[in-house]
Amino acid sequence: MNLLETITERMVAKPLPLVAITVAAVPCPDTPVILTLHWHGFIEEKIIELEEAETVAYTPIPSSALQVNHRWSDIATLDRAAMEAGWELGAWDVARAERAGCARPGAQSREALECLQAFGSFPYGLNDVQAVVAEAPDVGDLVNLAARRGYLMWMFRPVYRGIWAEFADDATLGPNGTRTPPCPLESAPPVGLGKTIYRFGIPGSSPLIN
């Protein structure tokens, strides 16, 4: 599975800075994966569609949720795909969260909302503005399956083409905020429920760096 290729294609098609990238999947081999790119930027709202018209409001640009239909056989395959993407795009780390299904006795209401958000199916936005534009025909089935079986989510913040470029203090990055493949870290086995963090970055001011 090559998530980086899909991410790069979308970066070219939509040249905006990124805040974060998330990947969500249910623990069932060969099911689709939802890749969400969270953009930074605003749409200028005008009363009249004229270039010289005054802007009356700024609307956040919706995130882009994409369905990836690549085949995969185990969690390690998804892990490596997320890690490779995060590594090459200059992320400080990649965080993997393993979450229980929300359709269980005693589950809190926020868990259902978090599940929808993870799969790019956020039900509403701020002031009725759409929060996510989804190109994911099977997202309803995936959310229902995740509610019963649980799900995994990966998150990282890219330095390359991201808003973090000017703040990055990372000795492992090249001049343009990327790293040379492959990612040197190995995938860790699932822990059941919880979070695993793969740290890539090393502070540029670290005394261990010459």
Protein backbone atom coordinates (compact mmCIF):
# COMPACT_ATOMS: atom_id res chain seq x y z
CA MET A 1 0.00 0.00 0.00
CA ASN A 2 1.34 3.41 -0.97
CA LEU A 3 -0.47 6.21 0.86
CA LEU A 4 2.27 8.70 0.01
CA GLU A 5 1.45 8.52 -3.70
CA THR A 6 -2.22 9.32 -3.04
CA ILE A 7 -1.29 12.16 -0.68
CA THR A 8 1.15 13.65 -3.18
CA GLU A 9 -1.41 13.54 -5.98
CA ARG A 10 -3.90 15.44 -3.85
CA MET A 11 -1.25 17.98 -2.82
CA VAL A 12 -0.62 18.72 -6.48
CA ALA A 13 -4.33 19.03 -7.22
CA LYS A 14 -4.97 21.29 -4.22
CA PRO A 15 -1.89 23.45 -3.52
CA LEU A 16 -2.75 24.52 0.03
CA PRO A 17 -0.75 24.06 3.24
CA LEU A 18 -1.66 21.07 5.39
CA VAL A 19 -2.33 21.01 9.12
CA ALA A 20 -2.46 17.23 9.55
CA ILE A 21 -3.14 13.94 7.80
CA THR A 22 -5.17 11.11 9.31
CA VAL A 23 -5.77 7.52 8.22
CA ALA A 24 -8.64 5.39 9.56
CA ALA A 25 -9.28 1.67 9.10
CA VAL A 26 -11.28 -1.15 10.62
CA PRO A 27 -9.32 -4.27 11.71
CA CYS A 28 -10.58 -6.37 8.80
CA PRO A 29 -8.16 -7.18 5.93
CA ASP A 30 -8.83 -5.75 2.47
CA THR A 31 -11.46 -3.26 3.65
CA PRO A 32 -11.16 0.31 2.32
CA VAL A 33 -9.08 2.85 4.22
CA ILE A 34 -10.11 6.48 4.69
CA LEU A 35 -7.35 9.04 4.18
CA THR A 36 -8.19 12.59 5.32
CA LEU A 37 -6.13 15.66 4.49
CA HIS A 38 -6.76 18.60 6.81
CA TRP A 39 -6.06 21.85 4.94
CA HIS A 40 -5.18 25.28 6.29
CA GLY A 41 -6.86 28.15 4.50
CA PHE A 42 -10.01 30.20 4.21
CA ILE A 43 -12.60 30.96 1.55
CA GLU A 44 -13.46 34.65 1.25
CA GLU A 45 -17.21 35.17 1.53
CA LYS A 46 -18.59 38.18 -0.37
CA ILE A 47 -22.10 39.50 -0.74
CA ILE A 48 -21.46 40.14 -4.46
CA GLU A 49 -19.21 37.97 -6.62
CA LEU A 50 -16.97 40.77 -7.80
CA GLU A 51 -13.20 40.95 -7.38
CA GLU A 52 -13.39 44.45 -5.89
CA ALA A 53 -16.20 43.52 -3.46
CA GLU A 54 -15.37 43.61 0.24
CA THR A 55 -14.92 40.30 2.09
CA VAL A 56 -17.55 39.94 4.81
CA ALA A 57 -16.44 36.61 6.30
CA TYR A 58 -13.80 33.88 6.06
CA THR A 59 -14.88 30.23 5.90
CA PRO A 60 -12.39 27.44 6.75
CA ILE A 61 -11.55 25.20 3.80
CA PRO A 62 -13.07 21.74 4.37
CA SER A 63 -10.86 18.71 4.90
CA SER A 64 -10.65 16.16 2.07
CA ALA A 65 -11.57 12.54 2.89
CA LEU A 66 -10.56 9.97 0.27
CA GLN A 67 -11.34 6.27 0.09
CA VAL A 68 -8.25 4.14 -0.62
CA ASN A 69 -9.06 0.68 -1.96
CA HIS A 70 -5.60 -0.90 -1.92
CA ARG A 71 -5.48 -4.47 -0.65
CA TRP A 72 -3.83 -5.19 2.71
CA SER A 73 -3.49 -8.29 4.84
CA ASP A 74 -2.49 -7.11 8.31
CA ILE A 75 -2.18 -4.03 10.51
CA ALA A 76 1.59 -3.95 9.95
CA THR A 77 0.95 -3.16 6.27
CA LEU A 78 -1.11 -0.09 7.18
CA ASP A 79 1.37 0.84 9.87
CA ARG A 80 4.26 0.85 7.41
CA ALA A 81 2.28 2.83 4.82
CA ALA A 82 1.44 5.55 7.36
CA MET A 83 4.98 5.56 8.73
CA GLU A 84 6.55 5.85 5.28
CA ALA A 85 4.25 8.75 4.39
CA GLY A 86 4.93 10.54 7.66
CA TRP A 87 8.66 9.92 7.40
CA GLU A 88 9.05 11.22 3.85
CA LEU A 89 6.78 14.23 4.43
CA GLY A 90 8.88 15.32 7.38
CA ALA A 91 6.46 14.65 10.27
CA TRP A 92 7.93 14.78 13.78
CA ASP A 93 6.11 11.53 14.59
CA VAL A 94 3.25 9.25 13.58
CA ALA A 95 0.68 8.37 16.27
CA ARG A 96 -1.41 5.19 16.00
CA ALA A 97 -4.54 4.97 18.14
CA GLU A 98 -6.48 1.73 18.66
CA ARG A 99 -10.07 2.39 19.67
CA ALA A 100 -12.99 0.24 20.76
CA GLY A 101 -16.29 0.14 18.94
CA CYS A 102 -18.80 2.71 20.15
CA ALA A 103 -21.84 0.44 19.70
CA ARG A 104 -21.32 -1.27 23.04
CA PRO A 105 -23.00 -0.95 26.44
CA GLY A 106 -21.54 1.92 28.44
CA ALA A 107 -19.85 3.69 25.52
CA GLN A 108 -19.78 7.46 25.86
CA SER A 109 -21.54 9.63 23.26
CA ARG A 110 -18.26 11.36 22.32
CA GLU A 111 -16.89 8.02 21.10
CA ALA A 112 -19.51 7.90 18.34
CA LEU A 113 -18.57 11.44 17.26
CA GLU A 114 -14.85 10.59 17.30
CA CYS A 115 -15.53 7.55 15.12
CA LEU A 116 -17.41 9.69 12.57
CA GLN A 117 -14.59 12.25 12.57
CA ALA A 118 -11.94 9.57 12.07
CA PHE A 119 -13.65 8.31 8.92
CA GLY A 120 -14.31 11.76 7.48
CA SER A 121 -18.02 11.54 8.18
CA PHE A 122 -18.31 14.53 10.50
CA PRO A 123 -22.04 15.29 10.73
CA TYR A 124 -21.83 19.08 10.85
CA GLY A 125 -19.46 22.00 10.67
CA LEU A 126 -19.09 25.39 12.35
CA ASN A 127 -22.04 27.69 11.56
CA ASP A 128 -23.50 25.10 9.17
CA VAL A 129 -20.33 25.15 7.05
CA GLN A 130 -19.29 21.76 5.65
CA ALA A 131 -16.32 20.42 7.62
CA VAL A 132 -15.29 17.60 5.28
CA VAL A 133 -15.65 16.95 1.57
CA ALA A 134 -15.69 13.17 1.20
CA GLU A 135 -14.94 11.02 -1.82
CA ALA A 136 -15.72 7.79 0.02
CA PRO A 137 -18.70 5.78 -1.26
CA ASP A 138 -18.31 3.04 1.38
CA VAL A 139 -17.83 5.28 4.41
CA GLY A 140 -21.27 4.45 5.86
CA ASP A 141 -20.51 0.73 5.90
CA LEU A 142 -17.06 1.39 7.37
CA VAL A 143 -18.46 3.52 10.19
CA ASN A 144 -21.04 0.84 11.02
CA LEU A 145 -18.33 -1.82 11.06
CA ALA A 146 -16.03 0.36 13.17
CA ALA A 147 -18.85 0.92 15.65
CA ARG A 148 -19.05 -2.85 16.18
CA ARG A 149 -15.45 -4.01 15.72
CA GLY A 150 -13.42 -0.96 16.72
CA TYR A 151 -10.96 0.87 14.51
CA LEU A 152 -7.44 2.23 14.18
CA MET A 153 -6.38 5.76 13.33
CA TRP A 154 -3.00 7.17 12.36
CA MET A 155 -2.20 10.88 12.55
CA PHE A 156 0.81 12.96 11.59
CA ARG A 157 1.62 16.60 10.82
CA PRO A 158 3.72 17.03 7.67
CA VAL A 159 6.45 19.63 7.51
CA TYR A 160 6.67 19.42 3.73
CA ARG A 161 3.82 21.53 2.32
CA GLY A 162 2.54 21.98 5.87
CA ILE A 163 2.04 24.94 8.18
CA TRP A 164 4.79 23.59 10.46
CA ALA A 165 7.69 24.27 8.08
CA GLU A 166 8.78 27.57 9.63
CA PHE A 167 8.63 26.13 13.16
CA ALA A 168 10.41 22.83 12.49
CA ASP A 169 13.55 22.30 14.58
CA ASP A 170 14.46 18.85 13.35
CA ALA A 171 17.95 17.69 12.49
CA THR A 172 16.66 14.80 10.37
CA LEU A 173 14.97 17.00 7.75
CA GLY A 174 16.35 18.00 4.38
CA PRO A 175 16.23 21.63 3.17
CA ASN A 176 12.70 21.25 1.79
CA GLY A 177 11.31 19.54 4.90
CA THR A 178 11.42 15.97 3.60
CA ARG A 179 13.41 12.85 4.49
CA THR A 180 15.00 10.22 2.28
CA PRO A 181 13.21 6.84 2.31
CA PRO A 182 12.92 4.27 3.70
CA CYS A 183 11.61 4.88 7.20
CA PRO A 184 14.13 3.26 9.60
CA LEU A 185 11.63 2.28 12.32
CA GLU A 186 9.84 -1.06 12.55
CA SER A 187 6.10 -1.51 13.02
CA ALA A 188 5.04 -2.36 16.58
CA PRO A 189 2.34 -5.02 17.21
CA PRO A 190 -1.13 -3.75 18.18
CA VAL A 191 -1.55 -3.24 21.91
CA GLY A 192 -5.31 -3.88 22.05
CA LEU A 193 -6.47 -0.40 23.04
CA GLY A 194 -4.24 2.62 23.43
CA LYS A 195 -1.73 4.69 21.52
CA THR A 196 1.62 3.93 19.88
CA ILE A 197 3.88 6.82 18.86
CA TYR A 198 6.62 6.41 16.28
CA ARG A 199 8.99 9.31 16.80
CA PHE A 200 11.17 10.37 13.88
CA GLY A 201 12.36 13.86 14.77
CA ILE A 202 15.51 14.91 16.59
CA PRO A 203 15.77 18.52 17.82
CA GLY A 204 18.28 20.48 15.79
CA SER A 205 19.59 22.02 19.01
CA SER A 206 20.19 18.59 20.56
CA PRO A 207 23.69 18.20 22.04
CA LEU A 208 23.81 14.73 20.44
CA ILE A 209 23.83 16.27 16.96
CA ASN A 210 27.13 17.56 15.60
